[in-house]
Amino acid sequence: MIRAEKNMKHRSSYLPISIGWVLKIGFAVAGFALWGWTFVAVVVGLYIGFKFLKGLLSCLLSLLILAAAITLLVTIIFLTF
């Protein structure tokens, strides 16, 4: 019964493209029409910059957590004896 209900999922829209994609394409066309290739360069730069910044912050957060864990372990080991 549950399997039959899962297989009967209804799509809310049968459009080949979502409204979000239409808006993104519209903004891209409008930006290019207004500012030209400078707009494209800025958008691509921001996209790559955010990807790079996200990876860098993820790495730094991981290193901070690792350093805190090591400090906590060293403190617990050497101060309890």
C-alpha atoms as a PDB file:
ATOM      1  CA  MET A   1       0.000   0.000   0.000  1.00  0.00           C
ATOM      2  CA  ILE A   2       2.751   2.470   0.957  1.00  0.00           C
ATOM      3  CA  ARG A   3       4.772   1.535  -2.123  1.00  0.00           C
ATOM      4  CA  ALA A   4       1.770   2.202  -4.352  1.00  0.00           C
ATOM      5  CA  GLU A   5       1.321   5.633  -2.762  1.00  0.00           C
ATOM      6  CA  LYS A   6       4.987   6.483  -3.298  1.00  0.00           C
ATOM      7  CA  ASN A   7       4.775   5.518  -6.953  1.00  0.00           C
ATOM      8  CA  MET A   8       1.718   7.740  -7.439  1.00  0.00           C
ATOM      9  CA  LYS A   9       3.540  11.011  -6.700  1.00  0.00           C
ATOM     10  CA  HIS A  10       1.978  13.883  -8.585  1.00  0.00           C
ATOM     11  CA  ARG A  11       4.093  16.582 -10.110  1.00  0.00           C
ATOM     12  CA  SER A  12       2.857  20.029  -9.275  1.00  0.00           C
ATOM     13  CA  SER A  13       3.997  21.394 -12.621  1.00  0.00           C
ATOM     14  CA  TYR A  14       4.617  19.836 -15.997  1.00  0.00           C
ATOM     15  CA  LEU A  15       6.644  22.797 -17.279  1.00  0.00           C
ATOM     16  CA  PRO A  16      10.088  21.959 -18.659  1.00  0.00           C
ATOM     17  CA  ILE A  17      11.647  24.944 -16.831  1.00  0.00           C
ATOM     18  CA  SER A  18      10.969  26.410 -13.404  1.00  0.00           C
ATOM     19  CA  ILE A  19       9.972  29.971 -12.610  1.00  0.00           C
ATOM     20  CA  GLY A  20      13.281  30.479 -10.791  1.00  0.00           C
ATOM     21  CA  TRP A  21      15.241  29.670 -13.940  1.00  0.00           C
ATOM     22  CA  VAL A  22      13.072  32.059 -15.959  1.00  0.00           C
ATOM     23  CA  LEU A  23      13.809  34.845 -13.452  1.00  0.00           C
ATOM     24  CA  LYS A  24      17.546  34.107 -13.464  1.00  0.00           C
ATOM     25  CA  ILE A  25      17.657  34.171 -17.260  1.00  0.00           C
ATOM     26  CA  GLY A  26      15.603  37.372 -17.308  1.00  0.00           C
ATOM     27  CA  PHE A  27      17.920  39.119 -14.852  1.00  0.00           C
ATOM     28  CA  ALA A  28      20.970  37.938 -16.772  1.00  0.00           C
ATOM     29  CA  VAL A  29      19.587  39.263 -20.062  1.00  0.00           C
ATOM     30  CA  ALA A  30      18.542  42.573 -18.483  1.00  0.00           C
ATOM     31  CA  GLY A  31      21.933  43.005 -16.789  1.00  0.00           C
ATOM     32  CA  PHE A  32      23.791  42.239 -19.995  1.00  0.00           C
ATOM     33  CA  ALA A  33      21.584  44.656 -21.925  1.00  0.00           C
ATOM     34  CA  LEU A  34      22.194  47.434 -19.390  1.00  0.00           C
ATOM     35  CA  TRP A  35      25.869  46.980 -18.520  1.00  0.00           C
ATOM     36  CA  GLY A  36      27.311  44.623 -21.140  1.00  0.00           C
ATOM     37  CA  TRP A  37      30.262  42.339 -20.528  1.00  0.00           C
ATOM     38  CA  THR A  38      31.143  44.112 -17.286  1.00  0.00           C
ATOM     39  CA  PHE A  39      27.972  42.709 -15.741  1.00  0.00           C
ATOM     40  CA  VAL A  40      28.880  39.197 -16.892  1.00  0.00           C
ATOM     41  CA  ALA A  41      32.416  39.542 -15.474  1.00  0.00           C
ATOM     42  CA  VAL A  42      31.122  40.767 -12.112  1.00  0.00           C
ATOM     43  CA  VAL A  43      28.531  37.981 -11.832  1.00  0.00           C
ATOM     44  CA  VAL A  44      31.083  35.295 -12.746  1.00  0.00           C
ATOM     45  CA  GLY A  45      33.602  36.830 -10.325  1.00  0.00           C
ATOM     46  CA  LEU A  46      31.076  36.848  -7.496  1.00  0.00           C
ATOM     47  CA  TYR A  47      30.050  33.260  -8.250  1.00  0.00           C
ATOM     48  CA  ILE A  48      33.647  32.002  -8.231  1.00  0.00           C
ATOM     49  CA  GLY A  49      34.508  34.190  -5.231  1.00  0.00           C
ATOM     50  CA  PHE A  50      31.643  32.832  -3.142  1.00  0.00           C
ATOM     51  CA  LYS A  51      32.555  29.245  -4.054  1.00  0.00           C
ATOM     52  CA  PHE A  52      36.194  29.919  -3.085  1.00  0.00           C
ATOM     53  CA  LEU A  53      35.228  31.747   0.115  1.00  0.00           C
ATOM     54  CA  LYS A  54      32.826  28.978   1.115  1.00  0.00           C
ATOM     55  CA  GLY A  55      35.554  26.350   0.686  1.00  0.00           C
ATOM     56  CA  LEU A  56      38.108  28.460   2.533  1.00  0.00           C
ATOM     57  CA  LEU A  57      35.785  29.124   5.468  1.00  0.00           C
ATOM     58  CA  SER A  58      34.859  25.454   5.632  1.00  0.00           C
ATOM     59  CA  CYS A  59      38.539  24.521   5.801  1.00  0.00           C
ATOM     60  CA  LEU A  60      39.284  27.130   8.470  1.00  0.00           C
ATOM     61  CA  LEU A  61      36.310  26.028  10.558  1.00  0.00           C
ATOM     62  CA  SER A  62      37.470  22.407  10.352  1.00  0.00           C
ATOM     63  CA  LEU A  63      40.975  23.408  11.445  1.00  0.00           C
ATOM     64  CA  LEU A  64      39.571  25.461  14.328  1.00  0.00           C
ATOM     65  CA  ILE A  65      37.460  22.533  15.543  1.00  0.00           C
ATOM     66  CA  LEU A  66      40.449  20.189  15.244  1.00  0.00           C
ATOM     67  CA  ALA A  67      42.692  22.595  17.195  1.00  0.00           C
ATOM     68  CA  ALA A  68      40.049  22.981  19.905  1.00  0.00           C
ATOM     69  CA  ALA A  69      39.652  19.204  20.204  1.00  0.00           C
ATOM     70  CA  ILE A  70      43.410  18.662  20.453  1.00  0.00           C
ATOM     71  CA  THR A  71      43.742  21.457  23.033  1.00  0.00           C
ATOM     72  CA  LEU A  72      40.906  19.990  25.062  1.00  0.00           C
ATOM     73  CA  LEU A  73      42.435  16.509  24.970  1.00  0.00           C
ATOM     74  CA  VAL A  74      45.896  17.765  25.934  1.00  0.00           C
ATOM     75  CA  THR A  75      44.407  19.827  28.756  1.00  0.00           C
ATOM     76  CA  ILE A  76      42.375  16.907  30.078  1.00  0.00           C
ATOM     77  CA  ILE A  77      45.291  14.451  29.852  1.00  0.00           C
ATOM     78  CA  PHE A  78      47.996  16.624  31.437  1.00  0.00           C
ATOM     79  CA  LEU A  79      45.959  18.469  34.040  1.00  0.00           C
ATOM     80  CA  THR A  80      44.213  15.427  35.499  1.00  0.00           C
ATOM     81  CA  PHE A  81      47.455  13.628  36.413  1.00  0.00           C
END
